[in-house]
Amino acid sequence: MTIRVLLADDQALLRGTFRLLIDREPDMEVVAEAATGLEAVERSRTHRADLVLMDIRMPGMDGIEATERICRDEDLAGVKILVLTTFETDEYIVDALRAGASGFLGKGIDPAELLRAIRTVVSGDALLSPVATRRLIARFVAQPDTRDRYATHRLDALTPREREVMVLTAQGLSNQDIAQRLHVTPLTAKTHVNRAMAKLDARDRAQLVVIAYRTGLVHP
């Protein structure tokens, strides 16, 4: 399968650099570019990309609003958003995760890591960041004024094992790590994660982590 990528960034030079990098890969292609958030939304609908590489700060509609619009559009349910930011400690990246982004990376990321990140996000396997993702989410998402007190009942749909796996996922453990911790196979761990995601309508692991903090299942 070829991964179809949409580049959303107001810097033409950066888009060009990313295009050269991505189009060189046999399993990826850039299908469109956008210089604003509004263009990103419109071209997501037109070109049906698998992933949008989204800058946060763009003129007019920013990347957060664009992410929210894409993620709440039922016709774009399969589109993943990977956010790029200049400063990985920027609290806006958490707003992007709340809006539905699947992860984030700093713009200074190594090219090989960026390509790996794209593949990982499209597969839905992990929340991405080369720095302290869990600490960042804990700091902003789990604040009392953002805690989703009314959504805790949603956790009732989970089995005890699925809750346990969700906690471990929110702590940053991979399927392999979870399998070792619980003495099960990686496939079994992944199955529990996928079932929890389905029951909670989480788009991917990133959203599962956000829900874990916002419902109070996991505390900072």
N, C-alpha and C. Protein backbone atom coordinates (compact mmCIF):
# COMPACT_ATOMS: atom_id res chain seq x y z
N MET A 1 0.83 -1.19 0.00
CA MET A 1 0.00 0.00 0.00
C MET A 1 0.87 1.25 0.00
N THR A 2 0.53 2.21 -0.85
CA THR A 2 1.26 3.47 -0.88
C THR A 2 0.60 4.46 0.08
N ILE A 3 1.39 5.05 0.97
CA ILE A 3 0.87 6.04 1.92
C ILE A 3 0.76 7.39 1.23
N ARG A 4 -0.45 7.93 1.19
CA ARG A 4 -0.72 9.20 0.53
C ARG A 4 -0.61 10.33 1.57
N VAL A 5 0.29 11.26 1.32
CA VAL A 5 0.59 12.31 2.30
C VAL A 5 0.20 13.69 1.76
N LEU A 6 -0.42 14.48 2.62
CA LEU A 6 -0.71 15.88 2.31
C LEU A 6 0.19 16.74 3.19
N LEU A 7 0.90 17.69 2.60
CA LEU A 7 1.80 18.56 3.34
C LEU A 7 1.11 19.89 3.62
N ALA A 8 0.96 20.26 4.88
CA ALA A 8 0.32 21.52 5.25
C ALA A 8 1.30 22.36 6.05
N ASP A 9 1.88 23.36 5.40
CA ASP A 9 2.85 24.25 6.04
C ASP A 9 2.92 25.52 5.22
N ASP A 10 3.03 26.67 5.90
CA ASP A 10 3.05 27.93 5.15
C ASP A 10 4.41 28.23 4.54
N GLN A 11 5.43 27.42 4.82
CA GLN A 11 6.76 27.63 4.27
C GLN A 11 6.96 26.74 3.05
N ALA A 12 7.00 27.35 1.88
CA ALA A 12 7.13 26.59 0.64
C ALA A 12 8.42 25.79 0.59
N LEU A 13 9.50 26.34 1.11
CA LEU A 13 10.78 25.65 1.10
C LEU A 13 10.71 24.38 1.93
N LEU A 14 10.05 24.45 3.08
CA LEU A 14 9.93 23.27 3.93
C LEU A 14 9.06 22.21 3.27
N ARG A 15 7.96 22.65 2.65
CA ARG A 15 7.11 21.70 1.93
C ARG A 15 7.91 21.00 0.83
N GLY A 16 8.72 21.78 0.12
CA GLY A 16 9.52 21.21 -0.96
C GLY A 16 10.51 20.18 -0.44
N THR A 17 11.11 20.48 0.70
CA THR A 17 12.07 19.55 1.31
C THR A 17 11.39 18.25 1.70
N PHE A 18 10.22 18.38 2.34
CA PHE A 18 9.48 17.19 2.76
C PHE A 18 9.02 16.38 1.55
N ARG A 19 8.62 17.07 0.49
CA ARG A 19 8.17 16.36 -0.71
C ARG A 19 9.30 15.53 -1.31
N LEU A 20 10.48 16.10 -1.41
CA LEU A 20 11.62 15.36 -1.95
C LEU A 20 11.92 14.14 -1.10
N LEU A 21 11.85 14.30 0.20
CA LEU A 21 12.14 13.20 1.11
C LEU A 21 11.11 12.09 0.99
N ILE A 22 9.84 12.48 1.00
CA ILE A 22 8.75 11.49 1.01
C ILE A 22 8.60 10.80 -0.34
N ASP A 23 8.65 11.57 -1.41
CA ASP A 23 8.46 10.98 -2.74
C ASP A 23 9.59 10.02 -3.12
N ARG A 24 10.69 10.09 -2.42
CA ARG A 24 11.81 9.19 -2.68
C ARG A 24 11.54 7.79 -2.13
N GLU A 25 10.58 7.68 -1.21
CA GLU A 25 10.26 6.38 -0.60
C GLU A 25 9.32 5.58 -1.49
N PRO A 26 9.57 4.30 -1.69
CA PRO A 26 8.73 3.48 -2.58
C PRO A 26 7.31 3.28 -2.08
N ASP A 27 7.09 3.45 -0.77
CA ASP A 27 5.75 3.21 -0.22
C ASP A 27 5.04 4.50 0.18
N MET A 28 5.52 5.66 -0.31
CA MET A 28 4.90 6.94 0.04
C MET A 28 4.84 7.85 -1.19
N GLU A 29 3.86 8.76 -1.16
CA GLU A 29 3.80 9.81 -2.17
C GLU A 29 3.07 11.02 -1.61
N VAL A 30 3.54 12.20 -1.99
CA VAL A 30 2.85 13.44 -1.62
C VAL A 30 1.78 13.69 -2.67
N VAL A 31 0.53 13.77 -2.24
CA VAL A 31 -0.58 13.92 -3.19
C VAL A 31 -1.05 15.37 -3.29
N ALA A 32 -0.67 16.21 -2.32
CA ALA A 32 -1.10 17.62 -2.36
C ALA A 32 -0.32 18.41 -1.32
N GLU A 33 -0.35 19.74 -1.50
CA GLU A 33 0.26 20.65 -0.53
C GLU A 33 -0.76 21.73 -0.15
N ALA A 34 -0.60 22.27 1.05
CA ALA A 34 -1.48 23.34 1.53
C ALA A 34 -0.63 24.35 2.30
N ALA A 35 -0.92 25.63 2.10
CA ALA A 35 -0.17 26.69 2.78
C ALA A 35 -0.95 27.28 3.95
N THR A 36 -2.23 26.89 4.09
CA THR A 36 -3.05 27.38 5.20
C THR A 36 -3.87 26.22 5.76
N GLY A 37 -4.44 26.45 6.93
CA GLY A 37 -5.29 25.42 7.52
C GLY A 37 -6.51 25.14 6.68
N LEU A 38 -7.11 26.19 6.13
CA LEU A 38 -8.30 26.01 5.30
C LEU A 38 -7.99 25.18 4.08
N GLU A 39 -6.85 25.45 3.45
CA GLU A 39 -6.45 24.64 2.30
C GLU A 39 -6.23 23.19 2.71
N ALA A 40 -5.69 22.97 3.90
CA ALA A 40 -5.46 21.60 4.38
C ALA A 40 -6.78 20.85 4.49
N VAL A 41 -7.80 21.51 5.02
CA VAL A 41 -9.11 20.87 5.15
C VAL A 41 -9.70 20.56 3.77
N GLU A 42 -9.67 21.55 2.90
CA GLU A 42 -10.25 21.37 1.57
C GLU A 42 -9.54 20.29 0.77
N ARG A 43 -8.21 20.29 0.85
CA ARG A 43 -7.45 19.31 0.05
C ARG A 43 -7.46 17.92 0.67
N SER A 44 -7.73 17.84 1.97
CA SER A 44 -7.94 16.52 2.58
C SER A 44 -9.18 15.87 1.97
N ARG A 45 -10.20 16.68 1.75
CA ARG A 45 -11.44 16.16 1.16
C ARG A 45 -11.25 15.82 -0.32
N THR A 46 -10.48 16.65 -1.00
CA THR A 46 -10.30 16.46 -2.44
C THR A 46 -9.38 15.30 -2.78
N HIS A 47 -8.27 15.18 -2.03
CA HIS A 47 -7.23 14.23 -2.42
C HIS A 47 -7.22 12.94 -1.59
N ARG A 48 -8.03 12.88 -0.54
CA ARG A 48 -8.15 11.65 0.26
C ARG A 48 -6.79 11.10 0.70
N ALA A 49 -6.02 11.95 1.34
CA ALA A 49 -4.72 11.52 1.85
C ALA A 49 -4.90 10.56 3.03
N ASP A 50 -3.91 9.71 3.25
CA ASP A 50 -3.91 8.86 4.43
C ASP A 50 -3.43 9.61 5.65
N LEU A 51 -2.53 10.60 5.42
CA LEU A 51 -1.94 11.35 6.52
C LEU A 51 -1.69 12.79 6.11
N VAL A 52 -1.99 13.70 7.04
CA VAL A 52 -1.66 15.11 6.84
C VAL A 52 -0.51 15.47 7.76
N LEU A 53 0.58 15.95 7.18
CA LEU A 53 1.70 16.45 7.96
C LEU A 53 1.40 17.93 8.21
N MET A 54 0.94 18.24 9.42
CA MET A 54 0.29 19.51 9.71
C MET A 54 1.15 20.43 10.58
N ASP A 55 1.42 21.62 10.05
CA ASP A 55 2.07 22.65 10.86
C ASP A 55 1.01 23.27 11.77
N ILE A 56 1.40 23.69 12.98
CA ILE A 56 0.44 24.30 13.90
C ILE A 56 0.18 25.75 13.51
N ARG A 57 1.24 26.50 13.28
CA ARG A 57 1.10 27.94 13.08
C ARG A 57 1.10 28.29 11.60
N MET A 58 -0.10 28.57 11.10
CA MET A 58 -0.28 28.97 9.71
C MET A 58 -1.21 30.16 9.67
N PRO A 59 -1.14 30.98 8.64
CA PRO A 59 -2.01 32.16 8.56
C PRO A 59 -3.48 31.77 8.40
N GLY A 60 -4.36 32.64 8.91
CA GLY A 60 -5.79 32.34 8.83
C GLY A 60 -6.13 31.23 9.79
N MET A 61 -6.71 30.17 9.29
CA MET A 61 -7.01 29.00 10.12
C MET A 61 -5.73 28.27 10.47
N ASP A 62 -5.47 28.08 11.76
CA ASP A 62 -4.23 27.41 12.15
C ASP A 62 -4.38 25.90 12.08
N GLY A 63 -3.29 25.19 12.37
CA GLY A 63 -3.29 23.75 12.26
C GLY A 63 -4.19 23.04 13.25
N ILE A 64 -4.43 23.66 14.40
CA ILE A 64 -5.30 23.04 15.40
C ILE A 64 -6.74 23.01 14.92
N GLU A 65 -7.22 24.16 14.44
CA GLU A 65 -8.60 24.19 13.94
C GLU A 65 -8.75 23.29 12.72
N ALA A 66 -7.74 23.29 11.86
CA ALA A 66 -7.78 22.43 10.68
C ALA A 66 -7.84 20.96 11.09
N THR A 67 -7.06 20.61 12.10
CA THR A 67 -7.07 19.23 12.61
C THR A 67 -8.45 18.86 13.13
N GLU A 68 -9.05 19.77 13.91
CA GLU A 68 -10.38 19.50 14.47
C GLU A 68 -11.41 19.30 13.37
N ARG A 69 -11.36 20.14 12.35
CA ARG A 69 -12.33 20.01 11.25
C ARG A 69 -12.17 18.70 10.49
N ILE A 70 -10.93 18.33 10.25
CA ILE A 70 -10.69 17.07 9.54
C ILE A 70 -11.14 15.88 10.37
N CYS A 71 -10.82 15.90 11.66
CA CYS A 71 -11.10 14.75 12.51
C CYS A 71 -12.58 14.58 12.84
N ARG A 72 -13.36 15.66 12.75
CA ARG A 72 -14.78 15.52 13.04
C ARG A 72 -15.61 15.30 11.77
N ASP A 73 -14.95 15.30 10.62
CA ASP A 73 -15.62 15.04 9.36
C ASP A 73 -15.71 13.53 9.14
N GLU A 74 -16.91 13.00 9.16
CA GLU A 74 -17.09 11.55 9.03
C GLU A 74 -16.55 11.01 7.72
N ASP A 75 -16.57 11.83 6.69
CA ASP A 75 -16.05 11.38 5.40
C ASP A 75 -14.54 11.26 5.38
N LEU A 76 -13.87 11.84 6.41
CA LEU A 76 -12.41 11.79 6.50
C LEU A 76 -11.96 10.95 7.69
N ALA A 77 -12.78 9.99 8.08
CA ALA A 77 -12.52 9.22 9.30
C ALA A 77 -11.18 8.49 9.28
N GLY A 78 -10.69 8.13 8.12
CA GLY A 78 -9.44 7.38 8.06
C GLY A 78 -8.19 8.23 7.98
N VAL A 79 -8.35 9.55 7.93
CA VAL A 79 -7.19 10.44 7.78
C VAL A 79 -6.49 10.63 9.12
N LYS A 80 -5.19 10.44 9.13
CA LYS A 80 -4.38 10.66 10.34
C LYS A 80 -3.69 12.02 10.25
N ILE A 81 -3.51 12.64 11.41
CA ILE A 81 -2.84 13.94 11.47
C ILE A 81 -1.56 13.81 12.28
N LEU A 82 -0.44 14.16 11.68
CA LEU A 82 0.84 14.20 12.38
C LEU A 82 1.27 15.67 12.43
N VAL A 83 1.31 16.22 13.62
CA VAL A 83 1.58 17.65 13.80
C VAL A 83 3.07 17.92 13.88
N LEU A 84 3.49 18.97 13.19
CA LEU A 84 4.87 19.43 13.26
C LEU A 84 4.90 20.76 14.00
N THR A 85 5.85 20.92 14.89
CA THR A 85 5.95 22.15 15.66
C THR A 85 7.41 22.53 15.83
N THR A 86 7.66 23.83 15.91
CA THR A 86 9.03 24.30 16.11
C THR A 86 9.52 23.99 17.51
N PHE A 87 8.62 24.12 18.47
CA PHE A 87 8.98 23.90 19.87
C PHE A 87 8.15 22.76 20.43
N GLU A 88 8.81 21.65 20.75
CA GLU A 88 8.08 20.47 21.20
C GLU A 88 7.47 20.61 22.58
N THR A 89 7.82 21.67 23.30
CA THR A 89 7.21 21.90 24.60
C THR A 89 6.01 22.85 24.48
N ASP A 90 5.66 23.24 23.28
CA ASP A 90 4.55 24.15 23.04
C ASP A 90 3.24 23.48 23.46
N GLU A 91 2.46 24.16 24.31
CA GLU A 91 1.22 23.55 24.79
C GLU A 91 0.20 23.38 23.67
N TYR A 92 0.39 24.07 22.54
CA TYR A 92 -0.55 23.93 21.44
C TYR A 92 -0.58 22.51 20.89
N ILE A 93 0.49 21.79 21.07
CA ILE A 93 0.48 20.42 20.55
C ILE A 93 -0.52 19.56 21.30
N VAL A 94 -0.75 19.88 22.58
CA VAL A 94 -1.75 19.12 23.32
C VAL A 94 -3.15 19.49 22.84
N ASP A 95 -3.35 20.76 22.51
CA ASP A 95 -4.62 21.17 21.91
C ASP A 95 -4.84 20.39 20.62
N ALA A 96 -3.77 20.17 19.87
CA ALA A 96 -3.88 19.42 18.62
C ALA A 96 -4.25 17.97 18.90
N LEU A 97 -3.69 17.39 19.94
CA LEU A 97 -4.04 16.02 20.30
C LEU A 97 -5.50 15.93 20.72
N ARG A 98 -5.95 16.92 21.49
CA ARG A 98 -7.36 16.96 21.86
C ARG A 98 -8.25 17.07 20.62
N ALA A 99 -7.77 17.80 19.64
CA ALA A 99 -8.55 18.00 18.41
C ALA A 99 -8.60 16.74 17.56
N GLY A 100 -7.71 15.78 17.83
CA GLY A 100 -7.73 14.53 17.10
C GLY A 100 -6.44 14.12 16.43
N ALA A 101 -5.38 14.91 16.62
CA ALA A 101 -4.10 14.55 16.01
C ALA A 101 -3.58 13.24 16.59
N SER A 102 -2.85 12.52 15.77
CA SER A 102 -2.33 11.22 16.18
C SER A 102 -0.96 11.30 16.83
N GLY A 103 -0.32 12.46 16.77
CA GLY A 103 0.99 12.61 17.38
C GLY A 103 1.64 13.89 16.92
N PHE A 104 2.86 14.11 17.38
CA PHE A 104 3.56 15.34 17.00
C PHE A 104 5.05 15.11 16.96
N LEU A 105 5.71 15.97 16.19
CA LEU A 105 7.16 15.92 16.05
C LEU A 105 7.70 17.34 15.97
N GLY A 106 8.95 17.51 16.37
CA GLY A 106 9.62 18.80 16.18
C GLY A 106 10.12 18.90 14.74
N LYS A 107 10.18 20.12 14.23
CA LYS A 107 10.62 20.32 12.84
C LYS A 107 12.09 19.98 12.63
N GLY A 108 12.83 19.86 13.71
CA GLY A 108 14.23 19.49 13.58
C GLY A 108 14.45 17.99 13.57
N ILE A 109 13.40 17.24 13.37
CA ILE A 109 13.48 15.79 13.41
C ILE A 109 14.40 15.25 12.31
N ASP A 110 15.09 14.18 12.61
CA ASP A 110 15.93 13.51 11.62
C ASP A 110 15.05 12.94 10.50
N PRO A 111 15.48 13.03 9.25
CA PRO A 111 14.66 12.54 8.13
C PRO A 111 14.20 11.09 8.29
N ALA A 112 15.08 10.23 8.73
CA ALA A 112 14.71 8.82 8.90
C ALA A 112 13.63 8.68 9.97
N GLU A 113 13.71 9.49 11.01
CA GLU A 113 12.72 9.44 12.08
C GLU A 113 11.36 9.95 11.59
N LEU A 114 11.38 10.96 10.74
CA LEU A 114 10.13 11.48 10.17
C LEU A 114 9.44 10.40 9.34
N LEU A 115 10.18 9.72 8.50
CA LEU A 115 9.60 8.67 7.67
C LEU A 115 9.05 7.54 8.53
N ARG A 116 9.81 7.20 9.57
CA ARG A 116 9.36 6.16 10.49
C ARG A 116 8.08 6.61 11.20
N ALA A 117 8.03 7.90 11.57
CA ALA A 117 6.86 8.44 12.26
C ALA A 117 5.61 8.37 11.38
N ILE A 118 5.77 8.71 10.11
CA ILE A 118 4.64 8.66 9.18
C ILE A 118 4.09 7.24 9.11
N ARG A 119 4.98 6.27 8.96
CA ARG A 119 4.53 4.88 8.85
C ARG A 119 3.85 4.42 10.15
N THR A 120 4.40 4.85 11.27
CA THR A 120 3.86 4.44 12.56
C THR A 120 2.48 5.03 12.80
N VAL A 121 2.31 6.31 12.49
CA VAL A 121 1.03 6.96 12.69
C VAL A 121 -0.04 6.35 11.78
N VAL A 122 0.31 6.09 10.53
CA VAL A 122 -0.65 5.50 9.60
C VAL A 122 -1.08 4.12 10.08
N SER A 123 -0.16 3.38 10.68
CA SER A 123 -0.50 2.05 11.19
C SER A 123 -1.28 2.14 12.50
N GLY A 124 -1.25 3.31 13.16
CA GLY A 124 -1.98 3.48 14.41
C GLY A 124 -1.31 2.84 15.60
N ASP A 125 -0.02 2.53 15.51
CA ASP A 125 0.64 1.76 16.55
C ASP A 125 1.13 2.57 17.74
N ALA A 126 1.41 3.87 17.58
CA ALA A 126 2.05 4.56 18.70
C ALA A 126 1.82 6.06 18.68
N LEU A 127 1.90 6.64 19.86
CA LEU A 127 1.92 8.10 20.00
C LEU A 127 3.36 8.54 19.84
N LEU A 128 3.59 9.53 19.00
CA LEU A 128 4.95 9.88 18.63
C LEU A 128 5.45 11.15 19.29
N SER A 129 6.68 11.11 19.73
CA SER A 129 7.43 12.31 20.11
C SER A 129 8.81 11.90 20.55
N PRO A 130 9.82 12.61 20.12
CA PRO A 130 11.17 12.30 20.57
C PRO A 130 11.45 12.83 21.96
N VAL A 131 10.52 13.58 22.53
CA VAL A 131 10.70 14.08 23.90
C VAL A 131 9.57 13.59 24.77
N ALA A 132 9.39 14.22 25.94
CA ALA A 132 8.51 13.66 26.98
C ALA A 132 7.04 13.83 26.67
N THR A 133 6.50 13.00 25.80
CA THR A 133 5.10 13.06 25.44
C THR A 133 4.20 12.87 26.66
N ARG A 134 4.46 11.84 27.42
CA ARG A 134 3.59 11.55 28.56
C ARG A 134 3.56 12.70 29.54
N ARG A 135 4.71 13.27 29.83
CA ARG A 135 4.77 14.37 30.79
C ARG A 135 4.02 15.59 30.26
N LEU A 136 4.14 15.82 28.97
CA LEU A 136 3.47 16.96 28.36
C LEU A 136 1.96 16.79 28.43
N ILE A 137 1.47 15.62 28.09
CA ILE A 137 0.03 15.37 28.15
C ILE A 137 -0.46 15.47 29.58
N ALA A 138 0.30 14.92 30.50
CA ALA A 138 -0.09 14.97 31.91
C ALA A 138 -0.20 16.41 32.39
N ARG A 139 0.68 17.25 31.92
CA ARG A 139 0.72 18.64 32.39
C ARG A 139 -0.50 19.44 31.94
N PHE A 140 -0.92 19.23 30.68
CA PHE A 140 -1.99 20.05 30.14
C PHE A 140 -3.34 19.34 30.08
N VAL A 141 -3.37 18.10 29.60
CA VAL A 141 -4.63 17.41 29.42
C VAL A 141 -5.27 17.07 30.76
N ALA A 142 -4.46 16.75 31.75
CA ALA A 142 -5.00 16.28 33.03
C ALA A 142 -5.26 17.39 34.03
N GLN A 143 -5.15 18.65 33.62
CA GLN A 143 -5.46 19.73 34.54
C GLN A 143 -6.94 19.68 34.92
N PRO A 144 -7.29 20.07 36.15
CA PRO A 144 -8.67 19.98 36.61
C PRO A 144 -9.68 20.66 35.68
N ASP A 145 -9.31 21.80 35.08
CA ASP A 145 -10.27 22.51 34.26
C ASP A 145 -10.46 21.89 32.89
N THR A 146 -9.61 20.90 32.54
CA THR A 146 -9.78 20.23 31.26
C THR A 146 -10.23 18.78 31.43
N ARG A 147 -10.28 18.29 32.64
CA ARG A 147 -10.69 16.92 32.90
C ARG A 147 -12.12 16.70 32.47
N ASP A 148 -12.37 15.66 31.72
CA ASP A 148 -13.71 15.37 31.21
C ASP A 148 -14.45 14.54 32.25
N ARG A 149 -15.02 15.22 33.21
CA ARG A 149 -15.68 14.53 34.32
C ARG A 149 -16.91 13.75 33.87
N TYR A 150 -17.49 14.16 32.78
CA TYR A 150 -18.72 13.54 32.33
C TYR A 150 -18.48 12.31 31.46
N ALA A 151 -17.24 12.02 31.17
CA ALA A 151 -16.94 10.90 30.28
C ALA A 151 -16.44 9.67 31.02
N THR A 152 -16.34 9.76 32.35
CA THR A 152 -15.79 8.62 33.09
C THR A 152 -16.64 7.38 32.94
N HIS A 153 -17.94 7.55 32.74
CA HIS A 153 -18.82 6.39 32.59
C HIS A 153 -18.48 5.57 31.35
N ARG A 154 -17.80 6.21 30.39
CA ARG A 154 -17.44 5.49 29.18
C ARG A 154 -16.48 4.34 29.49
N LEU A 155 -15.74 4.48 30.57
CA LEU A 155 -14.79 3.44 30.93
C LEU A 155 -15.49 2.17 31.41
N ASP A 156 -16.76 2.27 31.75
CA ASP A 156 -17.51 1.10 32.23
C ASP A 156 -17.60 0.02 31.16
N ALA A 157 -17.45 0.42 29.91
CA ALA A 157 -17.54 -0.56 28.82
C ALA A 157 -16.30 -1.45 28.73
N LEU A 158 -15.22 -1.05 29.40
CA LEU A 158 -13.97 -1.80 29.33
C LEU A 158 -13.94 -2.95 30.32
N THR A 159 -13.27 -4.02 29.92
CA THR A 159 -13.01 -5.11 30.86
C THR A 159 -11.85 -4.70 31.76
N PRO A 160 -11.67 -5.36 32.90
CA PRO A 160 -10.53 -5.04 33.77
C PRO A 160 -9.20 -5.12 33.03
N ARG A 161 -9.04 -6.09 32.15
CA ARG A 161 -7.80 -6.22 31.41
C ARG A 161 -7.62 -5.06 30.44
N GLU A 162 -8.69 -4.65 29.79
CA GLU A 162 -8.60 -3.53 28.85
C GLU A 162 -8.25 -2.24 29.59
N ARG A 163 -8.78 -2.05 30.78
CA ARG A 163 -8.40 -0.89 31.59
C ARG A 163 -6.92 -0.94 31.94
N GLU A 164 -6.47 -2.11 32.31
CA GLU A 164 -5.06 -2.28 32.68
C GLU A 164 -4.16 -1.95 31.50
N VAL A 165 -4.52 -2.44 30.33
CA VAL A 165 -3.73 -2.19 29.13
C VAL A 165 -3.78 -0.71 28.75
N MET A 166 -4.93 -0.08 28.96
CA MET A 166 -5.07 1.35 28.65
C MET A 166 -4.15 2.18 29.55
N VAL A 167 -4.07 1.81 30.82
CA VAL A 167 -3.18 2.51 31.74
C VAL A 167 -1.73 2.38 31.29
N LEU A 168 -1.34 1.18 30.91
CA LEU A 168 0.03 0.95 30.47
C LEU A 168 0.33 1.70 29.17
N THR A 169 -0.65 1.76 28.28
CA THR A 169 -0.49 2.52 27.05
C THR A 169 -0.28 4.00 27.36
N ALA A 170 -1.06 4.53 28.31
CA ALA A 170 -0.93 5.94 28.70
C ALA A 170 0.40 6.23 29.37
N GLN A 171 1.02 5.21 29.92
CA GLN A 171 2.33 5.37 30.54
C GLN A 171 3.46 5.32 29.52
N GLY A 172 3.09 5.13 28.26
CA GLY A 172 4.09 5.17 27.19
C GLY A 172 4.62 3.82 26.77
N LEU A 173 4.03 2.73 27.25
CA LEU A 173 4.52 1.40 26.89
C LEU A 173 4.03 0.98 25.51
N SER A 174 4.90 0.32 24.77
CA SER A 174 4.54 -0.22 23.47
C SER A 174 3.82 -1.56 23.66
N ASN A 175 3.31 -2.12 22.57
CA ASN A 175 2.67 -3.43 22.67
C ASN A 175 3.65 -4.48 23.20
N GLN A 176 4.89 -4.41 22.76
CA GLN A 176 5.91 -5.35 23.22
C GLN A 176 6.14 -5.20 24.72
N ASP A 177 6.21 -3.94 25.18
CA ASP A 177 6.41 -3.69 26.61
C ASP A 177 5.23 -4.20 27.44
N ILE A 178 4.03 -3.93 26.93
CA ILE A 178 2.82 -4.38 27.63
C ILE A 178 2.78 -5.90 27.71
N ALA A 179 3.14 -6.54 26.61
CA ALA A 179 3.15 -8.01 26.57
C ALA A 179 4.10 -8.58 27.62
N GLN A 180 5.27 -7.98 27.75
CA GLN A 180 6.24 -8.45 28.73
C GLN A 180 5.73 -8.20 30.15
N ARG A 181 5.10 -7.05 30.37
CA ARG A 181 4.60 -6.72 31.70
C ARG A 181 3.48 -7.67 32.14
N LEU A 182 2.60 -8.03 31.19
CA LEU A 182 1.43 -8.85 31.53
C LEU A 182 1.62 -10.33 31.22
N HIS A 183 2.80 -10.68 30.70
CA HIS A 183 3.11 -12.07 30.37
C HIS A 183 2.13 -12.63 29.33
N VAL A 184 1.89 -11.84 28.28
CA VAL A 184 1.07 -12.27 27.16
C VAL A 184 1.86 -12.02 25.88
N THR A 185 1.29 -12.41 24.75
CA THR A 185 1.97 -12.16 23.48
C THR A 185 1.72 -10.72 23.03
N PRO A 186 2.61 -10.16 22.20
CA PRO A 186 2.38 -8.82 21.66
C PRO A 186 1.06 -8.71 20.90
N LEU A 187 0.67 -9.79 20.20
CA LEU A 187 -0.59 -9.79 19.47
C LEU A 187 -1.78 -9.66 20.42
N THR A 188 -1.70 -10.36 21.57
CA THR A 188 -2.77 -10.25 22.56
C THR A 188 -2.84 -8.85 23.13
N ALA A 189 -1.67 -8.27 23.41
CA ALA A 189 -1.63 -6.89 23.92
C ALA A 189 -2.25 -5.94 22.92
N LYS A 190 -1.90 -6.10 21.64
CA LYS A 190 -2.44 -5.22 20.60
C LYS A 190 -3.95 -5.39 20.48
N THR A 191 -4.43 -6.63 20.64
CA THR A 191 -5.87 -6.88 20.57
C THR A 191 -6.61 -6.15 21.67
N HIS A 192 -6.06 -6.18 22.88
CA HIS A 192 -6.69 -5.46 24.00
C HIS A 192 -6.70 -3.95 23.75
N VAL A 193 -5.60 -3.43 23.22
CA VAL A 193 -5.53 -2.00 22.91
C VAL A 193 -6.58 -1.65 21.85
N ASN A 194 -6.68 -2.45 20.81
CA ASN A 194 -7.63 -2.18 19.74
C ASN A 194 -9.08 -2.25 20.23
N ARG A 195 -9.35 -3.19 21.13
CA ARG A 195 -10.71 -3.29 21.66
C ARG A 195 -11.06 -2.09 22.52
N ALA A 196 -10.10 -1.62 23.31
CA ALA A 196 -10.32 -0.42 24.12
C ALA A 196 -10.56 0.78 23.22
N MET A 197 -9.79 0.89 22.15
CA MET A 197 -9.96 2.01 21.21
C MET A 197 -11.35 1.96 20.59
N ALA A 198 -11.79 0.77 20.19
CA ALA A 198 -13.10 0.63 19.55
C ALA A 198 -14.23 1.00 20.51
N LYS A 199 -14.13 0.56 21.75
CA LYS A 199 -15.19 0.83 22.73
C LYS A 199 -15.27 2.30 23.10
N LEU A 200 -14.13 2.99 23.03
CA LEU A 200 -14.09 4.39 23.43
C LEU A 200 -14.10 5.34 22.23
N ASP A 201 -14.28 4.78 21.04
CA ASP A 201 -14.27 5.58 19.81
C ASP A 201 -13.00 6.41 19.68
N ALA A 202 -11.87 5.82 20.06
CA ALA A 202 -10.58 6.49 19.93
C ALA A 202 -10.03 6.22 18.54
N ARG A 203 -9.59 7.27 17.87
CA ARG A 203 -9.06 7.12 16.51
C ARG A 203 -7.79 6.29 16.49
N ASP A 204 -6.98 6.38 17.54
CA ASP A 204 -5.70 5.69 17.59
C ASP A 204 -5.18 5.71 19.02
N ARG A 205 -3.95 5.27 19.20
CA ARG A 205 -3.38 5.20 20.55
C ARG A 205 -3.22 6.57 21.18
N ALA A 206 -2.95 7.57 20.35
CA ALA A 206 -2.80 8.92 20.88
C ALA A 206 -4.08 9.36 21.57
N GLN A 207 -5.21 9.11 20.93
CA GLN A 207 -6.49 9.49 21.52
C GLN A 207 -6.80 8.65 22.75
N LEU A 208 -6.35 7.41 22.76
CA LEU A 208 -6.57 6.55 23.92
C LEU A 208 -5.82 7.11 25.13
N VAL A 209 -4.62 7.61 24.90
CA VAL A 209 -3.84 8.23 25.98
C VAL A 209 -4.55 9.48 26.51
N VAL A 210 -5.04 10.31 25.59
CA VAL A 210 -5.74 11.53 26.00
C VAL A 210 -6.96 11.18 26.85
N ILE A 211 -7.73 10.18 26.41
CA ILE A 211 -8.92 9.77 27.17
C ILE A 211 -8.53 9.26 28.55
N ALA A 212 -7.43 8.51 28.62
CA ALA A 212 -6.99 7.97 29.91
C ALA A 212 -6.73 9.08 30.92
N TYR A 213 -6.11 10.15 30.46
CA TYR A 213 -5.84 11.28 31.37
C TYR A 213 -7.09 12.10 31.64
N ARG A 214 -7.88 12.35 30.62
CA ARG A 214 -9.03 13.24 30.79
C ARG A 214 -10.13 12.62 31.64
N THR A 215 -10.23 11.30 31.65
CA THR A 215 -11.22 10.65 32.49
C THR A 215 -10.70 10.36 33.90
N GLY A 216 -9.41 10.62 34.13
CA GLY A 216 -8.85 10.37 35.44
C GLY A 216 -8.40 8.93 35.67
N LEU A 217 -8.45 8.12 34.62
CA LEU A 217 -7.99 6.73 34.76
C LEU A 217 -6.50 6.72 35.09
N VAL A 218 -5.77 7.67 34.50
CA VAL A 218 -4.34 7.84 34.78
C VAL A 218 -4.14 9.25 35.30
N HIS A 219 -3.33 9.39 36.34
CA HIS A 219 -3.06 10.70 36.93
C HIS A 219 -1.60 11.08 36.69
N PRO A 220 -1.32 12.38 36.59
CA PRO A 220 0.06 12.85 36.40
C PRO A 220 0.96 12.33 37.50
